[in-house]
Structures are given as structure tokens and as C-alpha cells.
């Protein structure tokens, strides 16, 4: 009889574990987006990449469920309380869109945008702002009658923005329509009512809420303050208080503590140098052996396919909750546009010189060309980067995809967005803009924090005789919302052209996946980016 207790105990334990797994409370995503799934089953993958972590998949589903509950379920339950299929159907469409965007993002080399286009646009913004500010009180501005945003708009005209900084909604309405045509399945893009609703929601969020807010000077200054972290004033005061206490009560014990602290500091510095040396060698080896291919390398290694009609995806079942992976793949493949032959890349440009534009941007931000010491330092850095161009290109690309555009960063941004937008599971109150007095305080804090970042013995060399004035000159070009709106529009244009390069090519309906940077390869990257900000004809051809 005792021999029969073992199998029964094992069987009872398995039944108990299965029962406990089924009795676990269902998550919000499972209750709203997949109501027909069994309690013990897992959510289907939201992303197509097999390397996507389950944690990222769960956080993305949680964010999606919170957004649909807050902005869709609130009015849909007033129309009908019994139809529970709207949110699952929206989830199916959003999954297809996210997988298509994921395919686009994985095939895009963001090194060109991050290290060449964006720094060039920021550099041009600073130069044009200072050039317009120098004309504000001269005869060019009719003795000050023409405001600064109008002078700046003459230097950076764009069809999507007015001289006052007002954004043209029709421009981005057409741009988002192209994005929807590239991402939505045909059966969801064809109905005009559905497409218009989605397009206007994206337009309202981005054009009326996001861009006007991020263009405000106080928002940019507060964002830089948050990135710099807390001030060091409290730590310095504590250190000074402790130092004063030790000096007031000098003894053999305090001398011994000082000696041991010095030994610990020296040993810690030595260990830090050894660790830095090992980390540097490891990073160089990793960069030399495994690196993400650049735009030119990918274009030279990949054979371009002939133009062919896009396959038509099968129609989904209107009542399906979790379609199979094959339907997602077919829907994503149906959104791929036509391919066309393009000229071969220039073999003379094997290096992209990614370090050149960031150094130029730093020189322009801190006006290093106006001082001999900083100009000599910058020329020295440029010569070092020019001598190690292939290594710098691989190193910057490696750091971009391992430190910034990585799964941990995406997960952090997703969690931060969820806690910011839905602090208690529902949308929080709208943020209150700071008063003019608070904006002045934010500006003064930023000037002080930026000044603290430079050591005192290097400040006269790097920032000149008046460090505060140099920091003020660095912040001033970001002090006008109308001018900042130009920069935001140009950066958004460049980002859309990086992900959807066919938007910048005339006749984009039949020439998709053609890299604009590749077509402008003969002119060089350095000349292409300023041209985006010099003429309105460089805007996206829709």
C-alpha cells in the first residue's frame, strides 16, 4: 500500500500545479485583448523577431491594453456593452502594423541619421539662428520691425511650417497617409473611414500635442536638466562639513583614517585604470570582429531585386482573436512596396566619417572657433578621428546598437512611458506648464549645471574667460519656440526618410525602398544634410 502512495502524490502535485496556474488572475492584456484565451495560456508574440524577450512582449501588451482601455473602451462601452470584439480586432491590426514597422526598423541603418544627418541639422540650426539674431536690429530687419522667427524662416524655409512657427497639418496628413499605406493590410487601408480616423488621431497627437510642446524652450531646458541628473551642491556641502569637523578635532585617529582613505583611493584608481584598459581592448576586439554593416556595405553586398507585384495577403476571419503567425507574415509581406534598380554605390566612399559631424556640432554649440585654445583642441580631435576613421565608424555604430538602440533601452522607455502616461492605470492629469518665473529658474539652473560639468581648471581653456557667457550662448539658439519648431520638423522629415526612403523620391509609388542618401551619394553626406534645411524642395515628395 505504501508503494502506491508515490505515483498518487506525483499525480496530485501535477494536478495542483495546473490548477494553481489556471487560478492565477488574468492580466489586463489577456482580459481585454484576448478574452477567449484560456487562463493558463501565454500571450502570442507581439513582435516578429525571435530574439525579443518575453519581458518586453509583456510590457508592450500591458501598455497597449492600458491605452485601448483609456482611449477606446471608454466610449465604446457607451455605444454597446455586449460587443467585446472591437479591442481584439484593433489588437490584430496593431500587431500587423508593429511587425511591419519592426521589419522596416531592423532593415534601417540609423548610424547615418544619428551621426550625420541629425548633427548637421542641429549645427545648421545654430548657425542660422545666430545669423538671424545678428540681423535682428539692422536694416535687413527694417530696424527691428521684422521679428526673429521671420528672419530665421527666410534662412530655413519649409512648406510644412509658417514664419510664425505654425505647422501645416496637410503636409503631415499626406505623410502619415503614406505610412499607413505602407504598414496597414489592404483590407484595413481601403476603407476610408477607418483610415481617416487613424490618421487624424496620429496627426492630432504628433502635430498638435507633441511638436508644439517639445519646441518650447523650457521643455528642452528641463529635459537637459533631467539628463544631467541631480546637482552636486548637497554632496559638496556634506564633504565640506565633514572636512571642517575633521580639522576641528585633529587626532592620531583622523590621521590614520586619512592615510587609509588615500591608500584606498589610489588602489581604486589603479583598479579603475586596469578595468578601463581591459574594457577598451575588449570593445576594440568586439568592434573589429562583429559590427553592423553600414549603408554602403549593405548596398554593395545585397543584390537588388527587380520590380515585382506585391503579394496579396489572405483575408482574416472577422471574429478571430489570435491569428496564426502565417497571417501576420503574409500581411506584413503584402505591405512591402515595389523594388527598383538604383545606381551602384560609390566605391571611393568606403568610410562614412561618422565622427566628423558630431565634432562640428560640438564646435558650433560651444563657439570653439572663436577661441584659439578650443580651436586647437578641436583641430587635434579632428585629426585623430580622421586618422582612425574606419575604427571610429565601427565604434560609433557598435555603441549605438549596444547602448542606445538595444532591448534594455526600449524596455526602459516603454516602462517610463507607461508610468508617466498611466500613473494609476488610467491617464493622469495634463501637465501644467511652468510660469514665466519658473521658466527663468529652470534656465538659471541649466546654466549652473552645465557650468559645473566642466572642471574649474579647464573652464578658462574650454569655455573662455567668461564661462557663464559661453554657456548662455550655447542655450540661446534654443530659446525661441518658432525656430525650434523648424528644427523639429526637419528632424522628423529626416527620420521618416530614413525609415521610408521612398517618400523622398519622385514617383514613390513605384520606387520604394530606395535610399535617398544613396541617390545623393555623389554629393556627400555633409552637403546633403544642410540642403534639407536650406530649401523647401528638399521636403518629402508625397
Protein backbone atom coordinates (compact mmCIF):
# COMPACT_ATOMS: atom_id res chain seq x y z
CA UNK A 1 0.00 0.00 0.00
CA UNK A 2 2.89 2.28 0.71
CA UNK A 3 4.24 1.64 -2.77
CA UNK A 4 1.08 3.11 -4.32
CA UNK A 5 1.35 6.41 -2.48
CA UNK A 6 4.23 7.74 -4.62
CA UNK A 7 2.51 7.86 -8.03
CA UNK A 8 -0.66 9.27 -6.50
CA UNK A 9 1.34 12.01 -4.77
CA UNK A 10 3.09 12.94 -8.02
CA UNK A 11 -0.18 12.96 -9.90
CA UNK A 12 -1.83 15.07 -7.23
CA UNK A 13 1.07 17.55 -7.29
CA UNK A 14 0.77 17.94 -11.07
CA UNK A 15 -2.97 18.49 -10.77
CA UNK A 16 -2.39 21.03 -8.02
CA UNK A 17 0.22 22.94 -10.06
CA UNK A 18 -2.02 23.03 -13.13
CA UNK A 19 -4.95 24.17 -11.02
CA UNK A 20 -2.84 26.90 -9.41
CA UNK A 21 -1.63 28.06 -12.83
CA UNK A 22 -5.21 28.25 -14.09
CA UNK A 23 -6.34 30.08 -10.94
CA UNK A 24 -3.80 32.86 -11.40
CA UNK A 25 -5.53 36.18 -12.09
CA UNK A 26 -5.56 37.05 -15.76
CA UNK A 27 -3.62 40.13 -16.77
CA UNK A 28 -5.30 43.20 -18.18
CA UNK A 29 -3.99 42.44 -21.67
CA UNK A 30 -5.44 38.93 -21.58
CA UNK A 31 -8.83 40.11 -20.28
CA UNK A 32 -9.23 42.96 -22.80
CA UNK A 33 -7.26 41.91 -25.86
CA UNK A 34 -7.55 38.11 -25.73
CA UNK A 35 -10.73 37.30 -23.78
CA UNK A 36 -11.12 33.84 -25.37
CA UNK A 37 -7.69 32.56 -24.33
CA UNK A 38 -7.57 30.03 -21.53
CA UNK A 39 -6.28 31.39 -18.19
CA UNK A 40 -3.13 29.27 -18.25
CA UNK A 41 -2.07 30.06 -21.82
CA UNK A 42 0.56 32.62 -22.77
CA UNK A 43 0.01 35.71 -24.88
CA UNK A 44 1.02 35.41 -28.55
CA UNK A 45 4.22 37.24 -29.52
CA UNK A 46 3.68 40.85 -30.46
CA UNK A 47 6.96 41.25 -32.36
CA UNK A 48 8.26 39.14 -35.22
CA UNK A 49 11.86 38.97 -34.03
CA UNK A 50 12.58 35.63 -32.30
CA UNK A 51 15.15 37.32 -30.04
CA UNK A 52 12.54 39.57 -28.43
CA UNK A 53 12.45 38.95 -24.68
CA UNK A 54 9.18 37.84 -23.01
CA UNK A 55 9.54 40.78 -20.63
CA UNK A 56 9.45 43.28 -23.49
CA UNK A 57 6.49 41.45 -25.03
CA UNK A 58 4.56 41.60 -21.74
CA UNK A 59 5.33 45.30 -21.18
CA UNK A 60 4.26 46.17 -24.74
CA UNK A 61 0.97 44.29 -24.32
CA UNK A 62 0.39 45.98 -20.96
CA UNK A 63 0.97 49.43 -22.46
CA UNK A 64 -1.32 48.61 -25.40
CA UNK A 65 -4.08 47.37 -23.09
CA UNK A 66 -3.87 50.49 -20.91
CA UNK A 67 -4.05 52.76 -23.96
CA UNK A 68 -7.03 50.95 -25.51
CA UNK A 69 -8.87 50.87 -22.19
CA UNK A 70 -8.32 54.59 -21.66
CA UNK A 71 -8.98 55.94 -25.14
CA UNK A 72 -11.21 53.38 -26.88
CA UNK A 73 -13.08 51.33 -24.32
CA UNK A 74 -14.43 54.42 -22.52
CA UNK A 75 -16.60 55.48 -25.47
CA UNK A 76 -17.18 52.04 -27.00
CA UNK A 77 -18.89 50.73 -23.84
CA UNK A 78 -21.35 53.64 -24.09
CA UNK A 79 -22.33 52.51 -27.58
CA UNK A 80 -22.65 48.82 -26.73
CA UNK A 81 -21.95 46.88 -23.56
CA UNK A 82 -22.04 43.43 -25.10
CA UNK A 83 -19.71 43.54 -28.11
CA UNK A 84 -16.27 42.61 -26.80
CA UNK A 85 -14.63 42.06 -30.17
CA UNK A 86 -13.54 45.62 -31.02
CA UNK A 87 -10.39 45.65 -28.86
CA UNK A 88 -9.22 42.22 -30.08
CA UNK A 89 -9.71 43.32 -33.68
CA UNK A 90 -7.73 46.51 -33.04
CA UNK A 91 -5.01 44.37 -31.49
CA UNK A 92 -4.80 42.22 -34.62
CA UNK A 93 -4.39 45.30 -36.83
CA UNK A 94 -1.86 46.90 -34.48
CA UNK A 95 0.15 43.68 -34.36
CA UNK A 96 0.41 43.70 -38.15
CA UNK A 97 1.44 47.37 -38.14
CA UNK A 98 4.03 46.84 -35.42
CA UNK A 99 5.54 43.87 -37.21
CA UNK A 100 5.76 45.82 -40.45
CA UNK A 101 7.39 48.75 -38.66
CA UNK A 102 9.71 46.31 -36.92
CA UNK A 103 10.81 44.95 -40.31
CA UNK A 104 11.43 48.48 -41.52
CA UNK A 105 13.37 49.49 -38.42
CA UNK A 106 15.55 46.38 -38.46
CA UNK A 107 16.47 46.99 -42.10
CA UNK A 108 17.31 50.68 -41.49
CA UNK A 109 20.82 51.80 -40.63
CA UNK A 110 20.30 54.56 -38.08
CA UNK A 111 24.01 55.37 -37.92
CA UNK A 112 23.61 57.76 -40.84
CA UNK A 113 20.74 59.57 -39.14
CA UNK A 114 22.30 59.69 -35.66
CA UNK A 115 25.86 60.64 -36.60
CA UNK A 116 25.49 62.56 -39.86
CA UNK A 117 22.02 63.95 -40.57
CA UNK A 118 20.84 64.95 -37.08
CA UNK A 119 24.12 66.66 -36.04
CA UNK A 120 24.22 68.50 -39.38
CA UNK A 121 20.67 69.77 -38.89
CA UNK A 122 21.40 70.92 -35.33
CA UNK A 123 24.61 72.64 -36.48
CA UNK A 124 22.73 74.41 -39.26
CA UNK A 125 20.03 75.46 -36.80
CA UNK A 126 22.59 77.11 -34.52
CA UNK A 127 24.35 78.85 -37.41
CA UNK A 128 21.14 80.19 -38.94
CA UNK A 129 19.78 81.33 -35.58
CA UNK A 130 22.92 83.27 -34.77
CA UNK A 131 22.99 84.68 -38.28
CA UNK A 132 19.35 85.79 -37.98
CA UNK A 133 19.93 87.22 -34.48
CA UNK A 134 22.81 89.32 -35.80
CA UNK A 135 20.40 90.91 -38.33
CA UNK A 136 17.52 91.49 -35.90
CA UNK A 137 18.37 95.15 -35.20
CA UNK A 138 19.82 96.11 -38.57
CA UNK A 139 18.42 97.42 -41.82
CA UNK A 140 17.91 93.84 -43.01
CA UNK A 141 15.09 93.58 -40.46
CA UNK A 142 13.81 97.11 -41.13
CA UNK A 143 15.27 98.39 -37.89
CA UNK A 144 13.75 95.60 -35.80
CA UNK A 145 10.30 95.59 -37.42
CA UNK A 146 10.74 92.01 -38.69
CA UNK A 147 10.76 89.54 -35.77
CA UNK A 148 13.45 86.94 -35.31
CA UNK A 149 11.31 83.91 -36.35
CA UNK A 150 10.64 85.55 -39.73
CA UNK A 151 14.34 86.13 -40.32
CA UNK A 152 15.06 82.55 -39.33
CA UNK A 153 12.34 81.26 -41.65
CA UNK A 154 13.97 83.05 -44.57
CA UNK A 155 17.12 81.06 -43.92
CA UNK A 156 15.30 77.74 -43.37
CA UNK A 157 12.09 77.77 -45.43
CA UNK A 158 9.88 74.71 -45.30
CA UNK A 159 6.49 74.06 -46.88
CA UNK A 160 5.17 72.47 -43.66
CA UNK A 161 5.74 75.44 -41.35
CA UNK A 162 4.90 79.13 -41.45
CA UNK A 163 7.23 82.00 -40.49
CA UNK A 164 5.43 82.20 -37.13
CA UNK A 165 6.17 78.53 -36.42
CA UNK A 166 2.67 77.21 -37.17
CA UNK A 167 2.72 73.70 -38.64
CA UNK A 168 0.73 72.86 -41.76
CA UNK A 169 -1.43 69.84 -40.95
CA UNK A 170 -1.98 68.86 -44.58
CA UNK A 171 1.71 68.18 -45.10
CA UNK A 172 1.89 65.65 -42.29
CA UNK A 173 -1.56 64.32 -43.16
CA UNK A 174 -0.20 63.19 -46.52
CA UNK A 175 2.98 61.86 -44.90
CA UNK A 176 1.05 59.76 -42.38
CA UNK A 177 -1.22 58.52 -45.14
CA UNK A 178 1.84 57.10 -46.90
CA UNK A 179 2.98 55.48 -43.65
CA UNK A 180 -0.43 53.86 -43.21
CA UNK A 181 -0.40 52.66 -46.80
CA UNK A 182 2.96 51.02 -46.17
CA UNK A 183 2.01 49.41 -42.84
CA UNK A 184 -1.68 48.59 -42.93
CA UNK A 185 -3.01 45.50 -44.67
CA UNK A 186 -5.04 46.28 -47.82
CA UNK A 187 -8.34 45.28 -46.21
CA UNK A 188 -7.75 47.85 -43.44
CA UNK A 189 -6.30 50.61 -45.62
CA UNK A 190 -9.05 50.54 -48.26
CA UNK A 191 -11.95 51.72 -46.02
CA UNK A 192 -11.62 55.50 -45.94
CA UNK A 193 -13.45 55.98 -42.65
CA UNK A 194 -11.09 53.66 -40.76
CA UNK A 195 -8.01 55.15 -42.41
CA UNK A 196 -9.10 58.74 -41.76
CA UNK A 197 -9.81 58.08 -38.10
CA UNK A 198 -6.40 56.51 -37.50
CA UNK A 199 -4.63 59.22 -39.50
CA UNK A 200 -6.31 62.08 -37.67
CA UNK A 201 -5.53 60.52 -34.29
CA UNK A 202 -1.82 60.29 -35.18
CA UNK A 203 -1.93 63.82 -36.64
CA UNK A 204 -3.53 65.28 -33.53
CA UNK A 205 -1.11 63.61 -31.14
CA UNK A 206 2.04 64.47 -33.05
CA UNK A 207 1.31 67.83 -34.68
CA UNK A 208 -0.95 69.43 -32.08
CA UNK A 209 0.44 67.94 -28.88
CA UNK A 210 3.99 66.61 -29.23
CA UNK A 211 5.78 69.03 -31.58
CA UNK A 212 4.41 72.28 -30.03
CA UNK A 213 5.38 71.03 -26.58
CA UNK A 214 8.88 69.78 -27.36
CA UNK A 215 9.55 73.05 -29.20
CA UNK A 216 9.09 75.10 -26.05
CA UNK A 217 12.43 76.38 -24.67
CA UNK A 218 11.57 75.46 -21.07
CA UNK A 219 10.77 71.87 -22.11
CA UNK A 220 14.15 71.47 -23.82
CA UNK A 221 15.97 73.03 -20.87
CA UNK A 222 14.17 70.86 -18.33
CA UNK A 223 14.87 67.75 -20.40
CA UNK A 224 18.59 68.57 -20.43
CA UNK A 225 18.44 69.10 -16.65
CA UNK A 226 16.85 65.69 -16.18
CA UNK A 227 19.54 64.08 -18.34
CA UNK A 228 22.30 65.76 -16.33
CA UNK A 229 20.94 64.37 -13.08
CA UNK A 230 20.77 65.98 -9.64
CA UNK A 231 23.08 68.76 -8.60
CA UNK A 232 26.23 68.16 -6.61
CA UNK A 233 25.70 71.03 -4.18
CA UNK A 234 24.41 68.81 -1.38
CA UNK A 235 27.34 66.40 -1.69
CA UNK A 236 29.82 69.26 -1.69
CA UNK A 237 28.29 70.81 1.41
CA UNK A 238 28.38 67.46 3.20
CA UNK A 239 32.01 66.93 2.22
CA UNK A 240 32.96 70.42 3.41
CA UNK A 241 31.15 69.88 6.71
CA UNK A 242 32.96 66.60 7.29
CA UNK A 243 36.29 68.16 6.36
CA UNK A 244 35.69 71.02 8.78
CA UNK A 245 34.81 68.55 11.53
CA UNK A 246 37.98 66.53 10.97
CA UNK A 247 40.14 69.64 11.02
CA UNK A 248 38.49 70.87 14.22
CA UNK A 249 39.10 67.56 16.02
CA UNK A 250 42.53 66.55 14.73
CA UNK A 251 43.95 63.40 16.32
CA UNK A 252 46.01 60.34 15.51
CA UNK A 253 42.82 58.50 14.61
CA UNK A 254 41.89 61.12 11.99
CA UNK A 255 45.42 60.95 10.54
CA UNK A 256 45.15 57.16 10.27
CA UNK A 257 41.75 57.45 8.60
CA UNK A 258 43.14 59.98 6.14
CA UNK A 259 46.09 57.71 5.28
CA UNK A 260 43.89 54.65 4.77
CA UNK A 261 41.44 56.68 2.70
CA UNK A 262 44.30 57.89 0.48
CA UNK A 263 45.54 54.31 0.02
CA UNK A 264 42.02 53.17 -0.83
CA UNK A 265 41.59 55.99 -3.34
CA UNK A 266 44.91 55.21 -5.05
CA UNK A 267 44.14 51.50 -5.21
CA UNK A 268 40.64 52.20 -6.51
CA UNK A 269 42.06 54.48 -9.18
CA UNK A 270 44.53 51.78 -10.21
CA UNK A 271 41.79 49.16 -10.42
CA UNK A 272 39.65 51.55 -12.44
CA UNK A 273 42.51 52.13 -14.89
CA UNK A 274 43.10 48.39 -15.26
CA UNK A 275 39.38 47.77 -15.78
CA UNK A 276 39.19 50.61 -18.31
CA UNK A 277 42.18 49.20 -20.20
CA UNK A 278 40.64 45.72 -20.32
CA UNK A 279 37.24 47.10 -21.34
CA UNK A 280 38.84 49.17 -24.09
CA UNK A 281 40.69 46.17 -25.51
CA UNK A 282 37.57 44.04 -25.32
CA UNK A 283 35.48 46.71 -27.06
CA UNK A 284 38.05 47.16 -29.85
CA UNK A 285 38.20 43.42 -30.45
CA UNK A 286 34.43 43.18 -30.46
CA UNK A 287 34.11 46.14 -32.84
CA UNK A 288 36.69 44.74 -35.26
CA UNK A 289 35.15 41.26 -35.37
CA UNK A 290 31.42 41.91 -35.21
CA UNK A 291 29.86 45.14 -36.41
CA UNK A 292 26.66 46.24 -38.02
CA UNK A 293 27.18 46.86 -41.75
CA UNK A 294 26.98 50.42 -42.93
CA UNK A 295 24.66 51.66 -45.66
CA UNK A 296 27.28 51.38 -48.39
CA UNK A 297 28.32 47.89 -47.29
CA UNK A 298 24.75 46.66 -47.30
CA UNK A 299 24.01 48.17 -50.70
CA UNK A 300 27.17 46.63 -52.15
CA UNK A 301 26.56 43.18 -50.66
CA UNK A 302 22.80 42.86 -51.28
CA UNK A 303 21.58 42.20 -54.84
CA UNK A 304 18.68 44.46 -55.66
CA UNK A 305 15.59 42.61 -56.75
CA UNK A 306 13.64 43.50 -59.84
CA UNK A 307 10.31 45.21 -59.54
CA UNK A 308 7.60 42.70 -58.86
CA UNK A 309 3.96 42.94 -57.75
CA UNK A 310 3.36 42.68 -54.04
CA UNK A 311 1.59 39.51 -52.90
CA UNK A 312 -1.95 39.87 -51.67
CA UNK A 313 -2.50 38.79 -48.11
CA UNK A 314 -5.39 36.46 -47.31
CA UNK A 315 -8.41 37.94 -45.66
CA UNK A 316 -8.61 37.44 -41.93
CA UNK A 317 -11.56 35.98 -40.17
CA UNK A 318 -13.58 38.86 -38.81
CA UNK A 319 -14.07 37.19 -35.46
CA UNK A 320 -10.59 35.76 -34.94
CA UNK A 321 -8.79 36.70 -31.78
CA UNK A 322 -5.25 35.43 -32.19
CA UNK A 323 -4.42 34.77 -35.87
CA UNK A 324 -1.61 32.39 -36.72
CA UNK A 325 1.86 33.61 -37.47
CA UNK A 326 1.41 32.91 -41.17
CA UNK A 327 -1.31 35.55 -41.45
CA UNK A 328 0.98 38.10 -39.82
CA UNK A 329 3.79 37.24 -42.19
CA UNK A 330 1.55 37.42 -45.24
CA UNK A 331 0.06 40.72 -44.11
CA UNK A 332 3.50 42.16 -43.48
CA UNK A 333 4.76 40.95 -46.83
CA UNK A 334 1.77 42.49 -48.57
CA UNK A 335 2.80 45.93 -47.34
CA UNK A 336 6.23 45.74 -48.92
CA UNK A 337 6.47 48.14 -51.83
CA UNK A 338 8.00 47.64 -55.22
CA UNK A 339 11.75 47.45 -55.65
CA UNK A 340 13.63 49.23 -58.40
CA UNK A 341 17.16 49.26 -59.72
CA UNK A 342 19.39 52.02 -58.36
CA UNK A 343 22.94 53.07 -59.18
CA UNK A 344 25.73 51.14 -57.55
CA UNK A 345 27.37 52.82 -54.51
CA UNK A 346 30.49 54.84 -54.99
CA UNK A 347 33.45 52.55 -54.17
CA UNK A 348 35.63 55.53 -53.25
CA UNK A 349 33.49 56.22 -50.17
CA UNK A 350 34.24 53.15 -48.08
CA UNK A 351 34.10 55.18 -44.84
CA UNK A 352 31.22 57.30 -43.62
CA UNK A 353 33.19 59.68 -41.33
CA UNK A 354 30.59 59.43 -38.58
CA UNK A 355 32.72 61.40 -36.11
CA UNK A 356 33.01 64.49 -38.32
CA UNK A 357 29.52 65.92 -37.95
CA UNK A 358 29.26 65.42 -34.15
CA UNK A 359 32.60 67.22 -33.69
CA UNK A 360 31.41 70.04 -35.94
CA UNK A 361 28.20 70.28 -33.91
CA UNK A 362 30.10 70.46 -30.60
CA UNK A 363 32.37 73.14 -32.02
CA UNK A 364 29.36 75.17 -33.13
CA UNK A 365 27.46 74.74 -29.87
CA UNK A 366 30.32 75.99 -27.68
CA UNK A 367 31.64 78.52 -30.25
CA UNK A 368 35.07 76.87 -30.11
CA UNK A 369 36.16 78.51 -33.35
CA UNK A 370 36.21 81.89 -31.57
CA UNK A 371 38.99 80.92 -29.12
CA UNK A 372 42.48 79.79 -30.01
CA UNK A 373 42.81 77.11 -27.30
CA UNK A 374 39.49 75.41 -28.03
CA UNK A 375 40.08 75.71 -31.77
CA UNK A 376 43.45 73.94 -31.39
CA UNK A 377 41.85 71.20 -29.26
CA UNK A 378 39.10 70.68 -31.82
CA UNK A 379 41.57 70.52 -34.72
CA UNK A 380 43.59 67.94 -32.80
CA UNK A 381 40.48 65.82 -32.21
CA UNK A 382 39.51 66.09 -35.86
CA UNK A 383 42.95 64.91 -36.97
CA UNK A 384 42.83 61.95 -34.58
CA UNK A 385 39.35 60.96 -35.77
CA UNK A 386 40.38 61.38 -39.41
CA UNK A 387 43.39 59.11 -38.87
CA UNK A 388 41.18 56.45 -37.25
CA UNK A 389 38.08 56.86 -39.41
CA UNK A 390 37.35 53.15 -40.05
CA UNK A 391 37.70 52.32 -36.37
CA UNK A 392 35.62 55.31 -35.28
CA UNK A 393 32.84 54.40 -37.70
CA UNK A 394 32.67 50.85 -36.38
CA UNK A 395 32.97 52.00 -32.76
CA UNK A 396 30.18 54.57 -33.00
CA UNK A 397 27.91 52.10 -34.77
CA UNK A 398 28.68 49.46 -32.14
CA UNK A 399 27.91 51.86 -29.28
CA UNK A 400 24.69 52.98 -30.97
CA UNK A 401 23.27 49.47 -31.28
CA UNK A 402 24.55 48.14 -27.94
CA UNK A 403 23.94 51.13 -25.65
CA UNK A 404 21.12 53.18 -27.19
CA UNK A 405 19.08 51.19 -29.72
CA UNK A 406 19.03 47.99 -27.68
CA UNK A 407 16.33 45.92 -25.98
CA UNK A 408 17.12 47.24 -22.48
CA UNK A 409 16.75 50.86 -23.63
CA UNK A 410 13.47 50.12 -25.38
CA UNK A 411 12.18 48.36 -22.28
CA UNK A 412 13.21 51.32 -20.09
CA UNK A 413 11.49 53.84 -22.39
CA UNK A 414 8.37 51.67 -22.53
CA UNK A 415 8.15 51.41 -18.74
CA UNK A 416 8.83 55.11 -18.28
CA UNK A 417 6.12 55.98 -20.81
CA UNK A 418 3.65 53.66 -19.10
CA UNK A 419 4.27 55.12 -15.63
CA UNK A 420 4.19 58.68 -16.99
CA UNK A 421 1.05 58.40 -19.11
CA UNK A 422 -0.84 55.96 -16.88
CA UNK A 423 0.39 56.54 -13.30
CA UNK A 424 -2.52 54.67 -11.68
CA UNK A 425 -3.56 52.56 -14.64
CA UNK A 426 -5.50 55.46 -16.14
CA UNK A 427 -4.41 58.72 -17.82
CA UNK A 428 -3.13 61.21 -15.31
CA UNK A 429 -3.99 64.90 -15.24
CA UNK A 430 -2.50 67.02 -18.01
CA UNK A 431 0.86 68.52 -17.07
CA UNK A 432 0.86 72.18 -16.12
CA UNK A 433 3.21 74.47 -17.99
CA UNK A 434 5.63 76.36 -15.75
CA UNK A 435 5.03 80.04 -15.13
CA UNK A 436 7.44 82.64 -16.57
CA UNK A 437 9.13 82.89 -13.19
CA UNK A 438 9.61 79.13 -13.07
CA UNK A 439 10.98 79.15 -16.63
CA UNK A 440 13.60 81.69 -15.55
CA UNK A 441 14.56 79.44 -12.64
CA UNK A 442 14.86 76.44 -14.98
CA UNK A 443 17.10 78.47 -17.28
CA UNK A 444 19.35 79.57 -14.41
CA UNK A 445 19.60 76.02 -13.07
CA UNK A 446 20.60 74.73 -16.50
CA UNK A 447 23.32 77.37 -16.87
CA UNK A 448 24.70 76.48 -13.45
CA UNK A 449 24.56 72.72 -14.07
CA UNK A 450 26.29 73.00 -17.44
CA UNK A 451 28.96 75.16 -15.86
CA UNK A 452 29.51 72.50 -13.19
CA UNK A 453 30.14 69.82 -15.79
CA UNK A 454 33.47 71.43 -16.76
CA UNK A 455 36.26 71.24 -14.14
CA UNK A 456 37.38 74.56 -12.74
CA UNK A 457 40.94 74.26 -14.05
CA UNK A 458 39.70 73.51 -17.60
CA UNK A 459 36.91 76.11 -17.72
CA UNK A 460 39.11 79.07 -18.79
CA UNK A 461 40.63 76.96 -21.58
CA UNK A 462 37.48 75.30 -22.92
CA UNK A 463 34.87 77.97 -22.13
CA UNK A 464 36.97 81.11 -22.38
CA UNK A 465 37.38 83.97 -19.95
CA UNK A 466 33.64 84.08 -19.25
CA UNK A 467 32.28 80.52 -18.89
CA UNK A 468 28.77 81.73 -18.00
CA UNK A 469 28.60 83.77 -21.20
CA UNK A 470 29.70 80.79 -23.28
CA UNK A 471 27.05 78.58 -21.70
CA UNK A 472 24.42 81.27 -22.30
CA UNK A 473 25.44 81.44 -25.96
CA UNK A 474 25.00 77.68 -26.19
CA UNK A 475 21.45 77.78 -24.79
CA UNK A 476 20.23 80.91 -26.59
CA UNK A 477 19.61 79.31 -30.07
CA UNK A 478 17.07 77.01 -28.39
CA UNK A 479 15.20 79.90 -26.78
CA UNK A 480 12.57 80.54 -29.47
CA UNK A 481 9.64 78.15 -29.95
CA UNK A 482 9.09 79.11 -33.60
CA UNK A 483 12.70 78.41 -34.53
CA UNK A 484 12.68 75.17 -32.54
CA UNK A 485 9.61 74.07 -34.48
CA UNK A 486 11.66 74.30 -37.68
CA UNK A 487 14.29 72.02 -36.17
CA UNK A 488 11.64 69.54 -35.00
CA UNK A 489 10.06 69.40 -38.46
CA UNK A 490 13.39 68.87 -40.20
CA UNK A 491 14.37 66.11 -37.76
CA UNK A 492 11.00 64.41 -38.25
CA UNK A 493 11.44 64.64 -42.03
CA UNK A 494 14.88 63.08 -41.80
CA UNK A 495 13.59 60.28 -39.55
CA UNK A 496 10.71 59.48 -41.89
CA UNK A 497 13.09 59.47 -44.86
CA UNK A 498 15.37 57.05 -43.01
CA UNK A 499 12.55 54.59 -42.33
CA UNK A 500 10.55 55.20 -45.52
CA UNK A 501 13.16 56.32 -48.07
CA UNK A 502 10.70 56.07 -50.96
CA UNK A 503 8.94 59.18 -49.59
CA UNK A 504 11.83 61.37 -50.75
CA UNK A 505 11.95 60.01 -54.29
CA UNK A 506 9.76 61.38 -57.04
CA UNK A 507 7.21 58.81 -58.11
CA UNK A 508 7.49 56.94 -54.82
CA UNK A 509 4.60 54.63 -55.60
CA UNK A 510 6.77 52.57 -57.90
CA UNK A 511 10.21 53.21 -56.41
CA UNK A 512 10.11 52.01 -52.84
CA UNK A 513 13.00 51.04 -50.62
CA UNK A 514 15.37 53.37 -52.46
CA UNK A 515 17.79 55.03 -50.09
CA UNK A 516 17.80 58.79 -50.53
CA UNK A 517 21.30 59.02 -49.09
CA UNK A 518 22.42 56.55 -51.75
CA UNK A 519 20.96 58.67 -54.55
CA UNK A 520 22.78 61.69 -53.15
CA UNK A 521 25.96 59.65 -52.69
CA UNK A 522 27.96 61.67 -55.21
CA UNK A 523 27.29 64.91 -53.34
CA UNK A 524 28.40 63.57 -49.98
CA UNK A 525 26.65 63.33 -46.64
CA UNK A 526 27.97 66.65 -45.40
CA UNK A 527 26.33 68.53 -48.29
CA UNK A 528 23.07 66.60 -48.20
CA UNK A 529 22.02 67.38 -44.62
CA UNK A 530 22.34 71.20 -44.82
CA UNK A 531 20.46 71.08 -48.09
CA UNK A 532 17.46 69.72 -46.18
CA UNK A 533 17.39 72.92 -44.18
CA UNK A 534 18.14 75.34 -46.97
CA UNK A 535 15.29 74.80 -49.37
CA UNK A 536 11.73 73.68 -49.18
CA UNK A 537 12.12 71.50 -52.25
CA UNK A 538 14.10 69.05 -50.15
CA UNK A 539 10.96 68.20 -48.19
CA UNK A 540 9.31 64.88 -48.74
CA UNK A 541 7.74 64.34 -52.14
CA UNK A 542 4.35 62.82 -51.44
